[in-house]
Amino acid sequence: MKKLSFLNNIGKPENFSKLTKFLRVESREFTCLNLGSCFLKGLVVKGKKVISYFSEKNEGLEATIKRLRDEKKISLRDVRVSVKNPSCLVRYFSFPKTDRKKLRQTLFYELNKFIPFPSEEVYFDFFVLKETNPSELLILLAVAKKNFVDKILSIFSNANLNVSEINLDSVCITNLFLNNNKDQEKNVCILDIGYSFSTMTILNKNTPFLTRDIKASTKDIFQIIARTKNIELSDVEKWVLELKDKKEFLNLCRDSIFDICKEIKSSFDYFEVNKGELIDKLYLTGGLLFLEGIDNIFKEALDIEAEVLNTFPKPGINLDKSFSSKEFDSFKNSFTVPFGLSL
């Protein structure tokens, strides 16, 4: 699946392949930056090698971006940005087969049928997933509110940084999965457990079928622990890291994970009704997955095979030796979005 970019609608190159090729010139250096609500995670890519990474506490986007620029962690040339926000969404639907040159304009006139926002208030991009029959196309539509995107662009512009792409976390993770997965016969769900909210995507034999947000998050789990252990929310992560036996943490978050799985199960049921098939496997990603055993709780709650999503693209990506360090290994599961953005 080729990459989507909202910049196609705000004065940037409209051809995905040309834009991608332009960024793949050997001497080019660019930064892949995931704008998380809690942390900003980034990869610096030079030529065909990922030369460094960083993870910075989000203490206000504008201030954090300027600090990263001053510390020379963000390339001054090009920045690819990925976001996850209620102002953004992804939809999948069948659409009458249309001349490709006119498809964008036709979709614009029909946007109000598929999204809850007024069409004039959003940027959108799309991808033709496949032809379902001689007269219909299966479309992936991604939209983001203009005021949300414009604010991001303004912050980077004020820091003298060039944004070459804005993408969605769910699309980046799907691209990473499809890049790595060669088994096209399974139906899978990818769950990205975020700090403020989570997002799931169901794929029907490697074709995206459904993407939706889930209210439950890492923050919810940490709040329960904070109340139970009578500690500040800001100290929960430190408490978890210092635990010699992680079973206490797993027991405390068990009920929260079962609640998350209730939401997931409703989407599984929707898929089963529409496709007459079952979900075969669950892939998990997000910072919470640094704790071994989380996947087993999901496996038990959903009665399904579950594993942690591979962070690195395949075939083997050219990485700096720092990526094999214990430090990076401890939080590598929070870097699936930047690696998906780098493809």
C-alpha atoms as a PDB file:
ATOM      1  CA  MET A   1       0.000   0.000   0.000  1.00  0.00           C
ATOM      2  CA  LYS A   2       1.448   3.359  -1.011  1.00  0.00           C
ATOM      3  CA  LYS A   3       1.658   6.092   1.566  1.00  0.00           C
ATOM      4  CA  LEU A   4      -0.994   8.709   2.149  1.00  0.00           C
ATOM      5  CA  SER A   5      -0.101  12.337   2.769  1.00  0.00           C
ATOM      6  CA  PHE A   6      -2.420  15.212   3.572  1.00  0.00           C
ATOM      7  CA  LEU A   7       0.164  17.517   2.007  1.00  0.00           C
ATOM      8  CA  ASN A   8      -1.173  16.390  -1.355  1.00  0.00           C
ATOM      9  CA  ASN A   9      -4.014  18.804  -0.689  1.00  0.00           C
ATOM     10  CA  ILE A  10      -2.083  21.781   0.596  1.00  0.00           C
ATOM     11  CA  GLY A  11       0.245  22.743  -2.158  1.00  0.00           C
ATOM     12  CA  LYS A  12       2.712  19.851  -2.166  1.00  0.00           C
ATOM     13  CA  PRO A  13       3.451  17.261  -4.894  1.00  0.00           C
ATOM     14  CA  GLU A  14       0.400  15.182  -5.731  1.00  0.00           C
ATOM     15  CA  ASN A  15       2.128  12.087  -7.007  1.00  0.00           C
ATOM     16  CA  PHE A  16       2.908   9.644  -4.176  1.00  0.00           C
ATOM     17  CA  SER A  17       5.609   7.788  -6.069  1.00  0.00           C
ATOM     18  CA  LYS A  18       7.403  10.966  -7.122  1.00  0.00           C
ATOM     19  CA  LEU A  19       7.365  12.324  -3.596  1.00  0.00           C
ATOM     20  CA  THR A  20       8.640   9.024  -2.204  1.00  0.00           C
ATOM     21  CA  LYS A  21      11.338   8.756  -4.833  1.00  0.00           C
ATOM     22  CA  PHE A  22      12.410  12.312  -4.167  1.00  0.00           C
ATOM     23  CA  LEU A  23      12.870  11.501  -0.488  1.00  0.00           C
ATOM     24  CA  ARG A  24      14.809   8.338  -1.256  1.00  0.00           C
ATOM     25  CA  VAL A  25      17.764  10.092  -2.943  1.00  0.00           C
ATOM     26  CA  GLU A  26      20.872   8.595  -1.344  1.00  0.00           C
ATOM     27  CA  SER A  27      22.244  11.854   0.063  1.00  0.00           C
ATOM     28  CA  ARG A  28      18.935  13.030   1.513  1.00  0.00           C
ATOM     29  CA  GLU A  29      18.462  13.293   5.254  1.00  0.00           C
ATOM     30  CA  PHE A  30      15.025  13.435   6.830  1.00  0.00           C
ATOM     31  CA  THR A  31      13.331  12.946  10.176  1.00  0.00           C
ATOM     32  CA  CYS A  32      10.325  10.707  10.861  1.00  0.00           C
ATOM     33  CA  LEU A  33       8.488  12.247  13.802  1.00  0.00           C
ATOM     34  CA  ASN A  34       5.541  10.761  15.681  1.00  0.00           C
ATOM     35  CA  LEU A  35       3.664  13.496  17.563  1.00  0.00           C
ATOM     36  CA  GLY A  36       2.420  11.531  20.553  1.00  0.00           C
ATOM     37  CA  SER A  37       0.382  13.177  23.291  1.00  0.00           C
ATOM     38  CA  CYS A  38       2.966  12.129  25.896  1.00  0.00           C
ATOM     39  CA  PHE A  39       6.198  11.712  23.914  1.00  0.00           C
ATOM     40  CA  LEU A  40       7.582  12.807  20.546  1.00  0.00           C
ATOM     41  CA  LYS A  41       9.389   9.847  18.994  1.00  0.00           C
ATOM     42  CA  GLY A  42      11.728  10.325  16.063  1.00  0.00           C
ATOM     43  CA  LEU A  43      14.068   8.587  13.649  1.00  0.00           C
ATOM     44  CA  VAL A  44      16.742  10.334  11.606  1.00  0.00           C
ATOM     45  CA  VAL A  45      17.281   8.721   8.199  1.00  0.00           C
ATOM     46  CA  LYS A  46      20.234   9.428   5.928  1.00  0.00           C
ATOM     47  CA  GLY A  47      20.342   7.717   2.576  1.00  0.00           C
ATOM     48  CA  LYS A  48      19.287   4.141   3.265  1.00  0.00           C
ATOM     49  CA  LYS A  49      20.348   4.067   6.907  1.00  0.00           C
ATOM     50  CA  VAL A  50      18.507   5.008  10.109  1.00  0.00           C
ATOM     51  CA  ILE A  51      21.316   6.799  11.924  1.00  0.00           C
ATOM     52  CA  SER A  52      19.691   7.819  15.221  1.00  0.00           C
ATOM     53  CA  TYR A  53      16.540   7.977  17.297  1.00  0.00           C
ATOM     54  CA  PHE A  54      15.105  10.121  20.073  1.00  0.00           C
ATOM     55  CA  SER A  55      12.139  10.155  22.443  1.00  0.00           C
ATOM     56  CA  GLU A  56      11.270  13.457  24.105  1.00  0.00           C
ATOM     57  CA  LYS A  57       8.584  14.338  26.621  1.00  0.00           C
ATOM     58  CA  ASN A  58       5.886  16.446  24.955  1.00  0.00           C
ATOM     59  CA  GLU A  59       5.883  19.574  27.101  1.00  0.00           C
ATOM     60  CA  GLY A  60       3.911  21.606  24.588  1.00  0.00           C
ATOM     61  CA  LEU A  61       4.414  20.939  20.879  1.00  0.00           C
ATOM     62  CA  GLU A  62       5.870  24.316  19.925  1.00  0.00           C
ATOM     63  CA  ALA A  63       8.418  24.396  22.760  1.00  0.00           C
ATOM     64  CA  THR A  64       9.392  20.742  22.257  1.00  0.00           C
ATOM     65  CA  ILE A  65       9.868  21.152  18.489  1.00  0.00           C
ATOM     66  CA  LYS A  66      12.092  24.198  18.971  1.00  0.00           C
ATOM     67  CA  ARG A  67      14.155  22.371  21.590  1.00  0.00           C
ATOM     68  CA  LEU A  68      14.613  19.374  19.289  1.00  0.00           C
ATOM     69  CA  ARG A  69      15.645  21.721  16.487  1.00  0.00           C
ATOM     70  CA  ASP A  70      18.155  23.537  18.694  1.00  0.00           C
ATOM     71  CA  GLU A  71      19.587  20.212  19.877  1.00  0.00           C
ATOM     72  CA  LYS A  72      19.866  19.247  16.190  1.00  0.00           C
ATOM     73  CA  LYS A  73      17.775  16.116  16.678  1.00  0.00           C
ATOM     74  CA  ILE A  74      15.406  17.146  13.866  1.00  0.00           C
ATOM     75  CA  SER A  75      16.719  17.506  10.327  1.00  0.00           C
ATOM     76  CA  LEU A  76      16.390  21.043   8.963  1.00  0.00           C
ATOM     77  CA  ARG A  77      15.665  19.682   5.492  1.00  0.00           C
ATOM     78  CA  ASP A  78      12.578  17.507   5.665  1.00  0.00           C
ATOM     79  CA  VAL A  79      10.324  16.229   8.419  1.00  0.00           C
ATOM     80  CA  ARG A  80       7.717  13.509   7.962  1.00  0.00           C
ATOM     81  CA  VAL A  81       5.075  13.823  10.655  1.00  0.00           C
ATOM     82  CA  SER A  82       2.555  11.279  11.934  1.00  0.00           C
ATOM     83  CA  VAL A  83      -0.374  12.078  14.221  1.00  0.00           C
ATOM     84  CA  LYS A  84      -3.208  10.407  16.119  1.00  0.00           C
ATOM     85  CA  ASN A  85      -6.016  12.753  17.127  1.00  0.00           C
ATOM     86  CA  PRO A  86      -9.837  12.864  17.305  1.00  0.00           C
ATOM     87  CA  SER A  87      -9.638  15.474  14.514  1.00  0.00           C
ATOM     88  CA  CYS A  88      -8.426  12.705  12.176  1.00  0.00           C
ATOM     89  CA  LEU A  89     -10.134   9.564  10.950  1.00  0.00           C
ATOM     90  CA  VAL A  90      -9.952   6.750   8.414  1.00  0.00           C
ATOM     91  CA  ARG A  91     -12.874   5.274   6.513  1.00  0.00           C
ATOM     92  CA  TYR A  92     -13.194   2.332   4.097  1.00  0.00           C
ATOM     93  CA  PHE A  93     -16.032   2.069   1.597  1.00  0.00           C
ATOM     94  CA  SER A  94     -17.050   0.967  -1.881  1.00  0.00           C
ATOM     95  CA  PHE A  95     -17.237   3.700  -4.494  1.00  0.00           C
ATOM     96  CA  PRO A  96     -18.358   3.722  -8.129  1.00  0.00           C
ATOM     97  CA  LYS A  97     -15.480   3.158 -10.512  1.00  0.00           C
ATOM     98  CA  THR A  98     -14.338   6.542 -11.802  1.00  0.00           C
ATOM     99  CA  ASP A  99     -11.601   7.826 -14.057  1.00  0.00           C
ATOM    100  CA  ARG A 100      -8.532   8.069 -11.792  1.00  0.00           C
ATOM    101  CA  LYS A 101      -7.876  11.663 -12.875  1.00  0.00           C
ATOM    102  CA  LYS A 102     -11.345  12.699 -11.692  1.00  0.00           C
ATOM    103  CA  LEU A 103     -11.526  10.498  -8.611  1.00  0.00           C
ATOM    104  CA  ARG A 104     -10.232  13.074  -6.123  1.00  0.00           C
ATOM    105  CA  GLN A 105     -12.705  15.709  -7.269  1.00  0.00           C
ATOM    106  CA  THR A 106     -15.574  13.222  -7.264  1.00  0.00           C
ATOM    107  CA  LEU A 107     -14.689  12.071  -3.752  1.00  0.00           C
ATOM    108  CA  PHE A 108     -14.589  15.669  -2.525  1.00  0.00           C
ATOM    109  CA  TYR A 109     -18.188  16.214  -3.611  1.00  0.00           C
ATOM    110  CA  GLU A 110     -19.224  13.001  -1.808  1.00  0.00           C
ATOM    111  CA  LEU A 111     -17.198  13.492   1.399  1.00  0.00           C
ATOM    112  CA  ASN A 112     -20.169  14.422   3.578  1.00  0.00           C
ATOM    113  CA  LYS A 113     -21.588  10.928   3.081  1.00  0.00           C
ATOM    114  CA  PHE A 114     -18.605   9.339   4.792  1.00  0.00           C
ATOM    115  CA  ILE A 115     -17.328  11.729   7.477  1.00  0.00           C
ATOM    116  CA  PRO A 116     -18.885  13.646  10.410  1.00  0.00           C
ATOM    117  CA  PHE A 117     -17.041  16.880   9.522  1.00  0.00           C
ATOM    118  CA  PRO A 118     -18.060  19.456   6.883  1.00  0.00           C
ATOM    119  CA  SER A 119     -16.019  18.753   3.748  1.00  0.00           C
ATOM    120  CA  GLU A 120     -14.767  22.329   3.510  1.00  0.00           C
ATOM    121  CA  GLU A 121     -13.189  22.003   6.981  1.00  0.00           C
ATOM    122  CA  VAL A 122     -10.907  19.050   6.215  1.00  0.00           C
ATOM    123  CA  TYR A 123      -7.893  17.977   4.215  1.00  0.00           C
ATOM    124  CA  PHE A 124      -8.280  14.506   2.770  1.00  0.00           C
ATOM    125  CA  ASP A 125      -6.341  11.874   0.938  1.00  0.00           C
ATOM    126  CA  PHE A 126      -7.322   8.461  -0.388  1.00  0.00           C
ATOM    127  CA  PHE A 127      -5.978   5.187  -1.685  1.00  0.00           C
ATOM    128  CA  VAL A 128      -7.646   2.662  -3.984  1.00  0.00           C
ATOM    129  CA  LEU A 129      -7.253  -0.612  -2.113  1.00  0.00           C
ATOM    130  CA  LYS A 130      -8.659  -2.785  -4.892  1.00  0.00           C
ATOM    131  CA  GLU A 131     -11.366  -3.184  -7.506  1.00  0.00           C
ATOM    132  CA  THR A 132     -14.133  -5.168  -5.841  1.00  0.00           C
ATOM    133  CA  ASN A 133     -15.944  -5.714  -9.145  1.00  0.00           C
ATOM    134  CA  PRO A 134     -15.922  -4.166 -12.652  1.00  0.00           C
ATOM    135  CA  SER A 135     -17.963  -1.181 -11.477  1.00  0.00           C
ATOM    136  CA  GLU A 136     -16.721  -0.550  -7.920  1.00  0.00           C
ATOM    137  CA  LEU A 137     -13.543   0.396  -6.075  1.00  0.00           C
ATOM    138  CA  LEU A 138     -12.664  -0.170  -2.436  1.00  0.00           C
ATOM    139  CA  ILE A 139     -11.411   3.166  -1.097  1.00  0.00           C
ATOM    140  CA  LEU A 140      -9.353   4.049   1.962  1.00  0.00           C
ATOM    141  CA  LEU A 141     -10.186   7.640   2.889  1.00  0.00           C
ATOM    142  CA  ALA A 142      -8.127   9.579   5.440  1.00  0.00           C
ATOM    143  CA  VAL A 143      -9.206  13.025   6.649  1.00  0.00           C
ATOM    144  CA  ALA A 144      -7.936  15.598   9.123  1.00  0.00           C
ATOM    145  CA  LYS A 145      -9.456  18.898  10.170  1.00  0.00           C
ATOM    146  CA  LYS A 146      -7.752  21.850   8.529  1.00  0.00           C
ATOM    147  CA  ASN A 147      -7.355  23.807  11.752  1.00  0.00           C
ATOM    148  CA  PHE A 148      -5.542  20.836  13.340  1.00  0.00           C
ATOM    149  CA  VAL A 149      -3.168  20.369  10.392  1.00  0.00           C
ATOM    150  CA  ASP A 150      -2.608  24.107   9.872  1.00  0.00           C
ATOM    151  CA  LYS A 151      -1.605  24.539  13.511  1.00  0.00           C
ATOM    152  CA  ILE A 152       1.014  21.799  13.173  1.00  0.00           C
ATOM    153  CA  LEU A 153       2.370  23.306   9.966  1.00  0.00           C
ATOM    154  CA  SER A 154       2.539  26.741  11.571  1.00  0.00           C
ATOM    155  CA  ILE A 155       4.553  25.404  14.518  1.00  0.00           C
ATOM    156  CA  PHE A 156       7.103  23.763  12.234  1.00  0.00           C
ATOM    157  CA  SER A 157       7.256  26.782   9.944  1.00  0.00           C
ATOM    158  CA  ASN A 158       7.958  29.071  12.905  1.00  0.00           C
ATOM    159  CA  ALA A 159      10.830  26.752  13.815  1.00  0.00           C
ATOM    160  CA  ASN A 160      12.149  26.966  10.214  1.00  0.00           C
ATOM    161  CA  LEU A 161      11.496  23.282   9.638  1.00  0.00           C
ATOM    162  CA  ASN A 162      10.002  21.892   6.432  1.00  0.00           C
ATOM    163  CA  VAL A 163       7.185  19.347   6.768  1.00  0.00           C
ATOM    164  CA  SER A 164       7.235  17.109   3.695  1.00  0.00           C
ATOM    165  CA  GLU A 165       4.451  14.765   4.798  1.00  0.00           C
ATOM    166  CA  ILE A 166       1.669  14.482   7.351  1.00  0.00           C
ATOM    167  CA  ASN A 167       0.343  10.982   7.897  1.00  0.00           C
ATOM    168  CA  LEU A 168      -1.812   9.104  10.408  1.00  0.00           C
ATOM    169  CA  ASP A 169      -0.448   6.659  12.986  1.00  0.00           C
ATOM    170  CA  SER A 170      -2.865   3.927  11.942  1.00  0.00           C
ATOM    171  CA  VAL A 171      -1.809   4.191   8.293  1.00  0.00           C
ATOM    172  CA  CYS A 172       1.893   4.097   9.223  1.00  0.00           C
ATOM    173  CA  ILE A 173       1.419   0.992  11.364  1.00  0.00           C
ATOM    174  CA  THR A 174      -0.631  -0.685   8.625  1.00  0.00           C
ATOM    175  CA  ASN A 175       2.124   0.091   6.098  1.00  0.00           C
ATOM    176  CA  LEU A 176       4.709  -1.444   8.441  1.00  0.00           C
ATOM    177  CA  PHE A 177       2.588  -4.562   8.943  1.00  0.00           C
ATOM    178  CA  LEU A 178       1.943  -5.022   5.224  1.00  0.00           C
ATOM    179  CA  ASN A 179       5.630  -4.498   4.487  1.00  0.00           C
ATOM    180  CA  ASN A 180       6.508  -7.305   6.922  1.00  0.00           C
ATOM    181  CA  ASN A 181       3.596  -9.707   6.506  1.00  0.00           C
ATOM    182  CA  LYS A 182       3.667 -12.245   3.698  1.00  0.00           C
ATOM    183  CA  ASP A 183       0.734 -14.367   4.897  1.00  0.00           C
ATOM    184  CA  GLN A 184      -2.223 -13.033   2.929  1.00  0.00           C
ATOM    185  CA  GLU A 185      -4.696 -15.656   4.103  1.00  0.00           C
ATOM    186  CA  LYS A 186      -5.204 -14.510   7.690  1.00  0.00           C
ATOM    187  CA  ASN A 187      -7.590 -11.937   9.112  1.00  0.00           C
ATOM    188  CA  VAL A 188      -5.799  -9.857  11.731  1.00  0.00           C
ATOM    189  CA  CYS A 189      -6.346  -6.971  14.099  1.00  0.00           C
ATOM    190  CA  ILE A 190      -3.594  -4.480  14.945  1.00  0.00           C
ATOM    191  CA  LEU A 191      -4.064  -2.669  18.244  1.00  0.00           C
ATOM    192  CA  ASP A 192      -1.961   0.430  18.954  1.00  0.00           C
ATOM    193  CA  ILE A 193      -2.199   1.138  22.703  1.00  0.00           C
ATOM    194  CA  GLY A 194      -1.627   4.866  23.055  1.00  0.00           C
ATOM    195  CA  TYR A 195      -1.173   7.007  26.135  1.00  0.00           C
ATOM    196  CA  SER A 196      -4.398   9.022  25.672  1.00  0.00           C
ATOM    197  CA  PHE A 197      -6.434   6.633  23.503  1.00  0.00           C
ATOM    198  CA  SER A 198      -5.914   3.523  21.411  1.00  0.00           C
ATOM    199  CA  THR A 199      -6.586   2.664  17.782  1.00  0.00           C
ATOM    200  CA  MET A 200      -7.377  -0.660  16.161  1.00  0.00           C
ATOM    201  CA  THR A 201      -7.285  -1.708  12.511  1.00  0.00           C
ATOM    202  CA  ILE A 202      -8.765  -4.940  11.160  1.00  0.00           C
ATOM    203  CA  LEU A 203      -7.351  -6.370   7.938  1.00  0.00           C
ATOM    204  CA  ASN A 204      -9.193  -8.899   5.826  1.00  0.00           C
ATOM    205  CA  LYS A 205      -6.447 -10.963   4.193  1.00  0.00           C
ATOM    206  CA  ASN A 206      -4.063  -7.970   4.029  1.00  0.00           C
ATOM    207  CA  THR A 207      -6.773  -5.526   2.919  1.00  0.00           C
ATOM    208  CA  PRO A 208      -7.726  -2.919   5.566  1.00  0.00           C
ATOM    209  CA  PHE A 209     -11.361  -3.332   6.561  1.00  0.00           C
ATOM    210  CA  LEU A 210     -11.950  -1.141   9.622  1.00  0.00           C
ATOM    211  CA  THR A 211     -10.061   1.446  11.670  1.00  0.00           C
ATOM    212  CA  ARG A 212     -11.538   2.852  14.882  1.00  0.00           C
ATOM    213  CA  ASP A 213     -10.438   4.603  18.042  1.00  0.00           C
ATOM    214  CA  ILE A 214     -10.845   3.034  21.480  1.00  0.00           C
ATOM    215  CA  LYS A 215     -11.166   5.256  24.531  1.00  0.00           C
ATOM    216  CA  ALA A 216      -9.175   2.964  26.830  1.00  0.00           C
ATOM    217  CA  SER A 217      -5.479   3.821  27.053  1.00  0.00           C
ATOM    218  CA  THR A 218      -2.223   3.489  28.946  1.00  0.00           C
ATOM    219  CA  LYS A 219      -3.174   6.579  30.947  1.00  0.00           C
ATOM    220  CA  ASP A 220      -6.350   4.849  32.180  1.00  0.00           C
ATOM    221  CA  ILE A 221      -4.309   1.883  33.394  1.00  0.00           C
ATOM    222  CA  PHE A 222      -1.763   4.159  35.081  1.00  0.00           C
ATOM    223  CA  GLN A 223      -4.552   6.105  36.833  1.00  0.00           C
ATOM    224  CA  ILE A 224      -5.905   2.885  38.354  1.00  0.00           C
ATOM    225  CA  ILE A 225      -2.423   1.990  39.583  1.00  0.00           C
ATOM    226  CA  ALA A 226      -1.919   5.508  40.974  1.00  0.00           C
ATOM    227  CA  ARG A 227      -5.122   5.206  43.030  1.00  0.00           C
ATOM    228  CA  THR A 228      -4.412   1.642  44.143  1.00  0.00           C
ATOM    229  CA  LYS A 229      -0.814   2.300  45.181  1.00  0.00           C
ATOM    230  CA  ASN A 230      -1.517   5.850  46.423  1.00  0.00           C
ATOM    231  CA  ILE A 231       1.168   7.447  44.249  1.00  0.00           C
ATOM    232  CA  GLU A 232       1.177  10.339  41.790  1.00  0.00           C
ATOM    233  CA  LEU A 233       0.260   9.565  38.174  1.00  0.00           C
ATOM    234  CA  SER A 234       3.605  10.986  37.067  1.00  0.00           C
ATOM    235  CA  ASP A 235       5.399   8.433  39.277  1.00  0.00           C
ATOM    236  CA  VAL A 236       3.606   5.319  37.992  1.00  0.00           C
ATOM    237  CA  GLU A 237       6.026   4.625  35.139  1.00  0.00           C
ATOM    238  CA  LYS A 238       8.995   4.853  37.513  1.00  0.00           C
ATOM    239  CA  TRP A 239       7.213   2.496  39.929  1.00  0.00           C
ATOM    240  CA  VAL A 240       6.604  -0.014  37.140  1.00  0.00           C
ATOM    241  CA  LEU A 241      10.208   0.136  35.921  1.00  0.00           C
ATOM    242  CA  GLU A 242      11.533  -0.487  39.430  1.00  0.00           C
ATOM    243  CA  LEU A 243       9.367  -3.570  39.982  1.00  0.00           C
ATOM    244  CA  LYS A 244      11.442  -6.727  40.181  1.00  0.00           C
ATOM    245  CA  ASP A 245       8.377  -8.892  39.652  1.00  0.00           C
ATOM    246  CA  LYS A 246       6.047  -7.483  36.983  1.00  0.00           C
ATOM    247  CA  LYS A 247       3.208  -9.812  38.013  1.00  0.00           C
ATOM    248  CA  GLU A 248       1.846  -7.157  40.389  1.00  0.00           C
ATOM    249  CA  PHE A 249       1.519  -4.693  37.516  1.00  0.00           C
ATOM    250  CA  LEU A 250      -0.064  -7.286  35.236  1.00  0.00           C
ATOM    251  CA  ASN A 251      -2.616  -8.149  37.924  1.00  0.00           C
ATOM    252  CA  LEU A 252      -3.474  -4.476  38.451  1.00  0.00           C
ATOM    253  CA  CYS A 253      -4.025  -3.797  34.746  1.00  0.00           C
ATOM    254  CA  ARG A 254      -5.849  -7.056  34.030  1.00  0.00           C
ATOM    255  CA  ASP A 255      -9.390  -5.677  34.497  1.00  0.00           C
ATOM    256  CA  SER A 256      -8.589  -2.634  32.313  1.00  0.00           C
ATOM    257  CA  ILE A 257      -7.327  -4.855  29.513  1.00  0.00           C
ATOM    258  CA  PHE A 258     -10.462  -7.003  29.723  1.00  0.00           C
ATOM    259  CA  ASP A 259     -12.514  -3.782  29.346  1.00  0.00           C
ATOM    260  CA  ILE A 260     -10.484  -2.843  26.263  1.00  0.00           C
ATOM    261  CA  CYS A 261     -11.160  -6.299  24.869  1.00  0.00           C
ATOM    262  CA  LYS A 262     -14.923  -5.805  25.215  1.00  0.00           C
ATOM    263  CA  GLU A 263     -14.668  -2.903  22.742  1.00  0.00           C
ATOM    264  CA  ILE A 264     -12.414  -4.916  20.471  1.00  0.00           C
ATOM    265  CA  LYS A 265     -14.799  -7.875  20.551  1.00  0.00           C
ATOM    266  CA  SER A 266     -17.678  -5.722  19.296  1.00  0.00           C
ATOM    267  CA  SER A 267     -15.598  -4.883  16.210  1.00  0.00           C
ATOM    268  CA  PHE A 268     -14.673  -8.540  15.785  1.00  0.00           C
ATOM    269  CA  ASP A 269     -18.394  -9.362  15.803  1.00  0.00           C
ATOM    270  CA  TYR A 270     -19.046  -6.657  13.201  1.00  0.00           C
ATOM    271  CA  PHE A 271     -16.324  -8.131  10.990  1.00  0.00           C
ATOM    272  CA  GLU A 272     -17.697 -11.639  11.404  1.00  0.00           C
ATOM    273  CA  VAL A 273     -21.238 -10.564  10.463  1.00  0.00           C
ATOM    274  CA  ASN A 274     -20.041  -8.686   7.366  1.00  0.00           C
ATOM    275  CA  LYS A 275     -17.420 -11.144   6.156  1.00  0.00           C
ATOM    276  CA  GLY A 276     -18.616 -14.452   7.571  1.00  0.00           C
ATOM    277  CA  GLU A 277     -15.080 -15.084   8.796  1.00  0.00           C
ATOM    278  CA  LEU A 278     -13.224 -14.942  12.122  1.00  0.00           C
ATOM    279  CA  ILE A 279     -10.253 -12.848  13.202  1.00  0.00           C
ATOM    280  CA  ASP A 280      -7.243 -15.153  13.333  1.00  0.00           C
ATOM    281  CA  LYS A 281      -4.667 -13.092  15.183  1.00  0.00           C
ATOM    282  CA  LEU A 282      -4.093  -9.943  17.223  1.00  0.00           C
ATOM    283  CA  TYR A 283      -0.939  -7.834  16.887  1.00  0.00           C
ATOM    284  CA  LEU A 284      -0.108  -5.373  19.670  1.00  0.00           C
ATOM    285  CA  THR A 285       2.028  -2.270  19.644  1.00  0.00           C
ATOM    286  CA  GLY A 286       2.631   0.780  21.818  1.00  0.00           C
ATOM    287  CA  GLY A 287       4.837   1.774  24.732  1.00  0.00           C
ATOM    288  CA  LEU A 288       2.985  -0.415  27.219  1.00  0.00           C
ATOM    289  CA  LEU A 289       4.265  -3.515  25.437  1.00  0.00           C
ATOM    290  CA  PHE A 290       7.703  -3.154  27.018  1.00  0.00           C
ATOM    291  CA  LEU A 291       6.239  -5.326  29.794  1.00  0.00           C
ATOM    292  CA  GLU A 292       6.299  -9.015  28.976  1.00  0.00           C
ATOM    293  CA  GLY A 293       3.007 -10.768  29.568  1.00  0.00           C
ATOM    294  CA  ILE A 294       0.597  -8.066  28.350  1.00  0.00           C
ATOM    295  CA  ASP A 295      -0.038 -10.065  25.177  1.00  0.00           C
ATOM    296  CA  ASN A 296      -1.042 -13.114  27.238  1.00  0.00           C
ATOM    297  CA  ILE A 297      -3.827 -11.154  28.944  1.00  0.00           C
ATOM    298  CA  PHE A 298      -5.240 -10.122  25.556  1.00  0.00           C
ATOM    299  CA  LYS A 299      -4.928 -13.703  24.353  1.00  0.00           C
ATOM    300  CA  GLU A 300      -6.936 -14.922  27.330  1.00  0.00           C
ATOM    301  CA  ALA A 301      -9.583 -12.183  27.107  1.00  0.00           C
ATOM    302  CA  LEU A 302     -10.204 -12.603  23.367  1.00  0.00           C
ATOM    303  CA  ASP A 303      -9.394 -16.311  23.063  1.00  0.00           C
ATOM    304  CA  ILE A 304      -7.171 -15.566  20.091  1.00  0.00           C
ATOM    305  CA  GLU A 305      -3.520 -15.827  19.138  1.00  0.00           C
ATOM    306  CA  ALA A 306      -1.712 -12.602  20.105  1.00  0.00           C
ATOM    307  CA  GLU A 307       1.813 -11.287  19.704  1.00  0.00           C
ATOM    308  CA  VAL A 308       3.768  -8.033  19.770  1.00  0.00           C
ATOM    309  CA  LEU A 309       4.103  -6.380  16.351  1.00  0.00           C
ATOM    310  CA  ASN A 310       7.630  -6.407  14.938  1.00  0.00           C
ATOM    311  CA  THR A 311       9.062  -2.883  15.208  1.00  0.00           C
ATOM    312  CA  PHE A 312      11.550  -3.083  12.355  1.00  0.00           C
ATOM    313  CA  PRO A 313      10.704  -3.250   8.636  1.00  0.00           C
ATOM    314  CA  LYS A 314      11.684  -6.371   6.697  1.00  0.00           C
ATOM    315  CA  PRO A 315      13.881  -7.273   4.926  1.00  0.00           C
ATOM    316  CA  GLY A 316      16.554  -6.158   7.373  1.00  0.00           C
ATOM    317  CA  ILE A 317      16.773  -2.392   7.587  1.00  0.00           C
ATOM    318  CA  ASN A 318      20.179  -0.694   7.835  1.00  0.00           C
ATOM    319  CA  LEU A 319      20.339   0.547  11.432  1.00  0.00           C
ATOM    320  CA  ASP A 320      22.961   2.300  13.498  1.00  0.00           C
ATOM    321  CA  LYS A 321      24.415   0.105  16.253  1.00  0.00           C
ATOM    322  CA  SER A 322      22.569   2.173  18.881  1.00  0.00           C
ATOM    323  CA  PHE A 323      19.362   0.356  17.893  1.00  0.00           C
ATOM    324  CA  SER A 324      20.751  -2.887  19.310  1.00  0.00           C
ATOM    325  CA  SER A 325      21.310  -1.328  22.735  1.00  0.00           C
ATOM    326  CA  LYS A 326      19.414  -2.351  25.868  1.00  0.00           C
ATOM    327  CA  GLU A 327      18.135   1.217  26.143  1.00  0.00           C
ATOM    328  CA  PHE A 328      16.377   1.146  22.779  1.00  0.00           C
ATOM    329  CA  ASP A 329      15.161  -2.415  23.305  1.00  0.00           C
ATOM    330  CA  SER A 330      13.335  -1.297  26.462  1.00  0.00           C
ATOM    331  CA  PHE A 331      11.005   1.029  24.516  1.00  0.00           C
ATOM    332  CA  LYS A 332      11.295  -0.119  20.901  1.00  0.00           C
ATOM    333  CA  ASN A 333       7.581  -1.038  20.771  1.00  0.00           C
ATOM    334  CA  SER A 334       6.718   2.670  20.850  1.00  0.00           C
ATOM    335  CA  PHE A 335       8.633   3.207  17.585  1.00  0.00           C
ATOM    336  CA  THR A 336       6.445   1.229  15.176  1.00  0.00           C
ATOM    337  CA  VAL A 337       4.856   4.454  13.881  1.00  0.00           C
ATOM    338  CA  PRO A 338       8.169   6.197  13.023  1.00  0.00           C
ATOM    339  CA  PHE A 339       9.438   3.051  11.295  1.00  0.00           C
ATOM    340  CA  GLY A 340       6.194   2.781   9.338  1.00  0.00           C
ATOM    341  CA  LEU A 341       6.553   6.441   8.417  1.00  0.00           C
ATOM    342  CA  SER A 342      10.053   5.793   7.094  1.00  0.00           C
ATOM    343  CA  LEU A 343       8.900   3.305   4.444  1.00  0.00           C
END
